[in-house]
Amino acid sequence: MPIKTAAHGRERWQFDEPSPGRECLVVETFDGYSQEGRLLIPDIEHAPPLFMLGGARSDFTHLNPLLYRLQALGIGSLTGNLSGHSLASLPGARAPSLHTNLAEALRFFRHVEHRCNTVIGHSLGAALALKVAAHHARQVNKLVLLCPAVYADSAYDAPFGPAFTRAISTPHGFLDSDSYKFLRSYRGQVLLVLGQYDGLLAAHHGRTPGTSAGHVEIDGMLRYSPIPAEVIQALSDTLPPGHFEQLTLPDCDHGIAAHLRAHPPQAGALAQQVAAFIRR
């Protein structure tokens, strides 16, 4: 496994913050480019390392407020930068797509697959997390989905940009995903974490049912709800009873990372809850 210390290129990271334990970079070479993943190693390990997949426009530092607290609690993590989402992932693949990101994620997962049984994903990364878990269904028995997106399987080949936006904008199009079929037979545990103001019903805000409510003003505050309410309902309807639980973060919308950064007590409480879920 090609590993180097996290000393160079940090100026391209979204957040350059000291970790509460050891960190190192895992380098993966693809067709004409390479990507880095960051491995966070706790001083004293209390659970196997988890695999983290961030959302659109994020790099492996985006969810530091959660990952650093988990590291301090004895749970390490590997997060890979994925093409098309951040300065840290440049130059990356040409015309990257979800299909590209999934291939990258599966390659990074190989570095921890001998021990990892937990996959976490935020937003777009949650859609990828479901696919990674399906590829490793015998091993992954814990899924943590943070404000999860689900996309039609046909959207995976659309390059990011206008083509991707069109591919994911069909009302209820997300139902054409084999991730629901996977979840119907999944016997692991799923923790769904939502912001209070994400997953809003689009129809209640003048938008088309089965699509995103987007930016909406609630009680004088602008909130961002890109996840259709029907995505959350379909996930909860699909999961077998006893395999699913949900947490709601008050006063939070889709921007969980920013919210946790601004509210350290909530970040600490969420890390404790996620850690307890993983250790179960």
Protein backbone atom coordinates (compact mmCIF):
# COMPACT_ATOMS: atom_id res chain seq x y z
CA MET A 1 0.00 0.00 0.00
CA PRO A 2 1.68 3.28 -1.11
CA ILE A 3 1.69 5.53 1.97
CA LYS A 4 3.22 8.92 2.66
CA THR A 5 2.95 11.39 5.51
CA ALA A 6 0.44 14.21 5.05
CA ALA A 7 2.99 17.00 4.64
CA HIS A 8 2.73 18.27 1.04
CA GLY A 9 -0.20 19.67 -0.90
CA ARG A 10 -2.13 20.63 2.22
CA GLU A 11 -2.74 24.10 0.77
CA ARG A 12 -5.29 22.48 -1.56
CA TRP A 13 -7.22 20.86 1.29
CA GLN A 14 -10.50 22.47 2.28
CA PHE A 15 -9.52 22.36 5.98
CA ASP A 16 -5.95 22.03 7.19
CA GLU A 17 -6.46 21.17 10.83
CA PRO A 18 -4.40 19.05 13.22
CA SER A 19 -5.84 15.58 13.80
CA PRO A 20 -6.13 14.05 17.29
CA GLY A 21 -3.95 11.12 16.22
CA ARG A 22 -1.75 9.89 13.43
CA GLU A 23 -2.68 10.61 9.82
CA CYS A 24 -1.13 9.42 6.58
CA LEU A 25 -2.02 9.48 2.91
CA VAL A 26 -2.80 6.48 0.73
CA VAL A 27 -2.03 7.06 -2.95
CA GLU A 28 -3.97 5.28 -5.69
CA THR A 29 -2.97 5.47 -9.36
CA PHE A 30 -5.69 5.32 -12.00
CA ASP A 31 -5.63 5.72 -15.80
CA GLY A 32 -3.46 8.80 -16.26
CA TYR A 33 -3.95 10.33 -12.83
CA SER A 34 -3.71 9.60 -9.13
CA GLN A 35 -5.84 10.34 -6.08
CA GLU A 36 -5.05 10.50 -2.39
CA GLY A 37 -6.95 9.03 0.50
CA ARG A 38 -6.39 9.99 4.12
CA LEU A 39 -6.07 7.37 6.81
CA LEU A 40 -6.78 8.54 10.36
CA ILE A 41 -5.26 6.21 12.97
CA PRO A 42 -6.32 6.44 16.63
CA ASP A 43 -3.77 6.17 19.43
CA ILE A 44 -5.78 3.32 20.98
CA GLU A 45 -8.14 1.47 18.64
CA HIS A 46 -11.61 0.52 19.89
CA ALA A 47 -13.11 -0.60 16.56
CA PRO A 48 -11.86 -1.42 13.05
CA PRO A 49 -11.37 1.55 10.71
CA LEU A 50 -14.42 2.77 8.84
CA PHE A 51 -14.62 3.81 5.19
CA MET A 52 -15.94 7.32 4.55
CA LEU A 53 -17.36 8.76 1.32
CA GLY A 54 -17.88 12.51 1.19
CA GLY A 55 -20.42 14.45 -0.80
CA ALA A 56 -20.17 16.64 -3.88
CA ARG A 57 -17.67 19.51 -3.70
CA SER A 58 -15.87 17.95 -0.73
CA ASP A 59 -12.46 16.52 -0.03
CA PHE A 60 -11.29 14.17 2.71
CA THR A 61 -11.15 16.98 5.26
CA HIS A 62 -14.76 18.12 4.83
CA LEU A 63 -16.14 15.96 7.63
CA ASN A 64 -13.27 16.52 10.07
CA PRO A 65 -15.77 17.58 12.78
CA LEU A 66 -17.09 13.99 12.83
CA LEU A 67 -14.06 11.96 11.75
CA TYR A 68 -11.65 13.63 14.19
CA ARG A 69 -14.00 13.00 17.09
CA LEU A 70 -14.39 9.37 16.06
CA GLN A 71 -10.60 9.10 15.85
CA ALA A 72 -10.35 10.46 19.40
CA LEU A 73 -12.89 7.81 20.44
CA GLY A 74 -10.71 5.05 19.03
CA ILE A 75 -12.26 4.64 15.56
CA GLY A 76 -10.03 5.36 12.60
CA SER A 77 -11.13 6.03 9.03
CA LEU A 78 -10.08 6.06 5.41
CA THR A 79 -11.52 8.74 3.14
CA GLY A 80 -10.54 9.03 -0.52
CA ASN A 81 -10.62 12.14 -2.66
CA LEU A 82 -12.83 11.54 -5.69
CA SER A 83 -12.53 13.14 -9.12
CA GLY A 84 -14.62 16.18 -9.91
CA HIS A 85 -15.27 17.44 -6.39
CA SER A 86 -12.41 19.49 -4.96
CA LEU A 87 -9.08 21.21 -5.53
CA ALA A 88 -7.43 18.33 -3.71
CA SER A 89 -8.70 15.87 -6.32
CA LEU A 90 -7.33 17.78 -9.32
CA PRO A 91 -6.47 17.00 -12.05
CA GLY A 92 -8.41 13.77 -11.63
CA ALA A 93 -10.26 11.86 -14.32
CA ARG A 94 -11.41 13.47 -17.53
CA ALA A 95 -15.19 14.00 -17.59
CA PRO A 96 -15.70 12.38 -14.17
CA SER A 97 -19.02 10.82 -13.30
CA LEU A 98 -20.59 8.77 -10.52
CA HIS A 99 -19.31 5.70 -12.35
CA THR A 100 -15.78 7.16 -12.10
CA ASN A 101 -16.25 7.94 -8.40
CA LEU A 102 -17.53 4.44 -7.66
CA ALA A 103 -14.51 2.86 -9.35
CA GLU A 104 -12.23 5.14 -7.30
CA ALA A 105 -14.10 4.35 -4.08
CA LEU A 106 -13.90 0.59 -4.64
CA ARG A 107 -10.16 0.87 -5.26
CA PHE A 108 -9.63 2.84 -2.04
CA PHE A 109 -11.78 0.39 -0.09
CA ARG A 110 -9.31 -2.39 -0.86
CA HIS A 111 -6.85 -0.79 1.58
CA VAL A 112 -9.15 -1.47 4.54
CA GLU A 113 -11.35 -4.33 3.30
CA HIS A 114 -9.50 -6.95 5.35
CA ARG A 115 -10.89 -5.34 8.52
CA CYS A 116 -13.51 -2.71 7.69
CA ASN A 117 -17.17 -3.48 8.37
CA THR A 118 -18.59 0.08 8.47
CA VAL A 119 -19.19 2.45 5.55
CA ILE A 120 -20.33 6.04 6.02
CA GLY A 121 -21.53 8.34 3.24
CA HIS A 122 -22.76 11.92 3.08
CA SER A 123 -25.13 13.12 0.33
CA LEU A 124 -23.69 11.96 -3.02
CA GLY A 125 -21.23 9.90 -0.99
CA ALA A 126 -24.14 8.03 0.60
CA ALA A 127 -25.30 6.90 -2.84
CA LEU A 128 -21.79 5.60 -3.44
CA ALA A 129 -21.67 4.06 0.06
CA LEU A 130 -24.71 1.96 -0.79
CA LYS A 131 -22.98 0.68 -3.94
CA VAL A 132 -19.75 -0.10 -2.06
CA ALA A 133 -21.70 -1.96 0.61
CA ALA A 134 -23.51 -3.95 -2.09
CA HIS A 135 -20.14 -4.97 -3.57
CA HIS A 136 -19.01 -6.14 -0.11
CA ALA A 137 -22.33 -7.22 1.40
CA ARG A 138 -20.86 -10.15 3.36
CA GLN A 139 -18.40 -7.87 5.11
CA VAL A 140 -20.10 -4.49 5.57
CA ASN A 141 -22.64 -4.87 8.37
CA LYS A 142 -22.94 -1.20 9.39
CA LEU A 143 -24.04 1.67 7.16
CA VAL A 144 -24.24 5.29 8.28
CA LEU A 145 -26.06 7.51 5.77
CA LEU A 146 -25.79 11.28 6.36
CA CYS A 147 -28.45 13.25 4.43
CA PRO A 148 -28.29 10.52 1.78
CA ALA A 149 -28.80 10.95 -1.92
CA VAL A 150 -29.90 8.07 -4.13
CA TYR A 151 -29.61 8.34 -7.91
CA ALA A 152 -31.06 6.40 -10.81
CA ASP A 153 -28.57 3.82 -12.06
CA SER A 154 -28.77 5.49 -15.48
CA ALA A 155 -27.24 8.67 -13.97
CA TYR A 156 -23.94 6.97 -13.15
CA ASP A 157 -22.50 7.41 -16.64
CA ALA A 158 -23.50 11.08 -17.03
CA PRO A 159 -20.48 13.42 -16.68
CA PHE A 160 -20.79 15.91 -13.83
CA GLY A 161 -22.25 19.20 -14.98
CA PRO A 162 -25.40 19.83 -17.03
CA ALA A 163 -25.68 16.20 -18.21
CA PHE A 164 -25.58 14.92 -14.62
CA THR A 165 -28.04 17.55 -13.44
CA ARG A 166 -30.49 16.50 -16.16
CA ALA A 167 -30.01 12.83 -15.30
CA ILE A 168 -30.93 13.34 -11.64
CA SER A 169 -33.77 15.82 -12.16
CA THR A 170 -36.49 13.43 -13.31
CA PRO A 171 -39.25 13.36 -10.66
CA HIS A 172 -38.99 10.11 -8.66
CA GLY A 173 -36.13 9.02 -10.94
CA PHE A 174 -34.11 7.93 -7.90
CA LEU A 175 -36.47 4.96 -7.51
CA ASP A 176 -34.75 3.36 -10.51
CA SER A 177 -31.75 2.39 -8.39
CA ASP A 178 -30.72 -1.15 -7.55
CA SER A 179 -29.65 0.14 -4.12
CA TYR A 180 -33.22 -0.40 -2.94
CA LYS A 181 -33.08 -4.03 -4.07
CA PHE A 182 -29.81 -4.40 -2.15
CA LEU A 183 -31.30 -2.90 1.02
CA ARG A 184 -34.34 -5.18 0.92
CA SER A 185 -32.04 -8.16 1.46
CA TYR A 186 -29.42 -6.39 3.60
CA ARG A 187 -29.07 -7.91 7.05
CA GLY A 188 -26.72 -5.32 8.47
CA GLN A 189 -27.67 -2.24 10.49
CA VAL A 190 -28.36 1.20 9.01
CA LEU A 191 -28.14 4.52 10.84
CA LEU A 192 -29.77 7.41 8.98
CA VAL A 193 -28.73 10.90 10.10
CA LEU A 194 -30.79 13.82 8.80
CA GLY A 195 -30.75 17.54 9.28
CA GLN A 196 -34.07 18.87 10.51
CA TYR A 197 -34.46 20.93 7.34
CA ASP A 198 -33.30 18.39 4.76
CA GLY A 199 -35.58 15.91 3.02
CA LEU A 200 -38.41 18.46 2.87
CA LEU A 201 -41.46 17.78 0.72
CA ALA A 202 -40.95 19.74 -2.49
CA ALA A 203 -44.71 20.13 -3.00
CA HIS A 204 -44.94 22.09 0.26
CA HIS A 205 -42.56 24.66 -1.19
CA GLY A 206 -44.00 25.09 -4.66
CA ARG A 207 -41.76 22.51 -6.34
CA THR A 208 -42.52 19.31 -8.24
CA PRO A 209 -43.21 16.23 -6.06
CA GLY A 210 -40.43 13.68 -6.18
CA THR A 211 -37.74 16.34 -6.65
CA SER A 212 -35.62 18.52 -4.40
CA ALA A 213 -37.13 21.36 -2.41
CA GLY A 214 -33.80 23.18 -2.88
CA HIS A 215 -33.24 26.48 -1.08
CA VAL A 216 -36.27 27.48 0.96
CA GLU A 217 -36.91 30.18 3.53
CA ILE A 218 -38.25 28.90 6.85
CA ASP A 219 -38.91 31.27 9.76
CA GLY A 220 -36.76 33.93 8.12
CA MET A 221 -33.79 31.57 7.57
CA LEU A 222 -32.62 30.21 4.23
CA ARG A 223 -32.37 26.42 4.40
CA TYR A 224 -30.95 23.98 1.85
CA SER A 225 -32.89 20.75 1.24
CA PRO A 226 -31.54 19.00 -1.88
CA ILE A 227 -32.68 15.52 -0.83
CA PRO A 228 -36.26 14.73 -1.89
CA ALA A 229 -38.52 13.65 0.95
CA GLU A 230 -39.46 10.62 -1.10
CA VAL A 231 -35.82 9.39 -1.06
CA ILE A 232 -35.90 9.24 2.74
CA GLN A 233 -39.32 7.58 2.73
CA ALA A 234 -38.21 4.98 0.18
CA LEU A 235 -35.13 4.14 2.25
CA SER A 236 -37.11 3.71 5.46
CA ASP A 237 -39.79 1.67 3.66
CA THR A 238 -37.19 -0.61 2.09
CA LEU A 239 -35.16 -1.48 5.18
CA PRO A 240 -36.29 -4.50 7.18
CA PRO A 241 -37.71 -3.78 10.65
CA GLY A 242 -35.08 -3.87 13.35
CA HIS A 243 -32.26 -3.00 10.93
CA PHE A 244 -32.82 0.74 10.77
CA GLU A 245 -32.71 3.74 13.07
CA GLN A 246 -32.81 7.47 12.45
CA LEU A 247 -31.30 10.53 14.13
CA THR A 248 -32.35 14.10 13.41
CA LEU A 249 -30.01 17.04 13.99
CA PRO A 250 -32.07 20.04 15.16
CA ASP A 251 -31.67 23.38 13.34
CA CYS A 252 -29.54 21.71 10.64
CA ASP A 253 -30.16 21.43 6.91
CA HIS A 254 -28.18 19.47 4.31
CA GLY A 255 -24.91 21.11 5.36
CA ILE A 256 -24.09 18.70 8.18
CA ALA A 257 -20.33 19.31 8.09
CA ALA A 258 -20.67 23.08 8.42
CA HIS A 259 -23.30 22.66 11.13
CA LEU A 260 -21.10 20.33 13.19
CA ARG A 261 -18.15 22.70 12.78
CA ALA A 262 -20.28 25.57 14.10
CA HIS A 263 -21.83 23.53 16.93
CA PRO A 264 -19.12 21.49 18.72
CA PRO A 265 -21.47 20.07 21.40
CA GLN A 266 -23.74 18.58 18.70
CA ALA A 267 -20.66 17.27 16.86
CA GLY A 268 -19.48 15.57 20.04
CA ALA A 269 -22.90 14.07 20.72
CA LEU A 270 -23.23 12.77 17.16
CA ALA A 271 -19.75 11.22 17.28
CA GLN A 272 -20.68 9.42 20.50
CA GLN A 273 -23.88 8.09 18.91
CA VAL A 274 -22.13 6.97 15.73
CA ALA A 275 -19.34 5.34 17.78
CA ALA A 276 -21.88 3.45 19.88
CA PHE A 277 -23.64 2.29 16.70
CA ILE A 278 -20.35 1.07 15.19
CA ARG A 279 -19.27 -0.79 18.34
CA ARG A 280 -22.57 -2.63 18.68
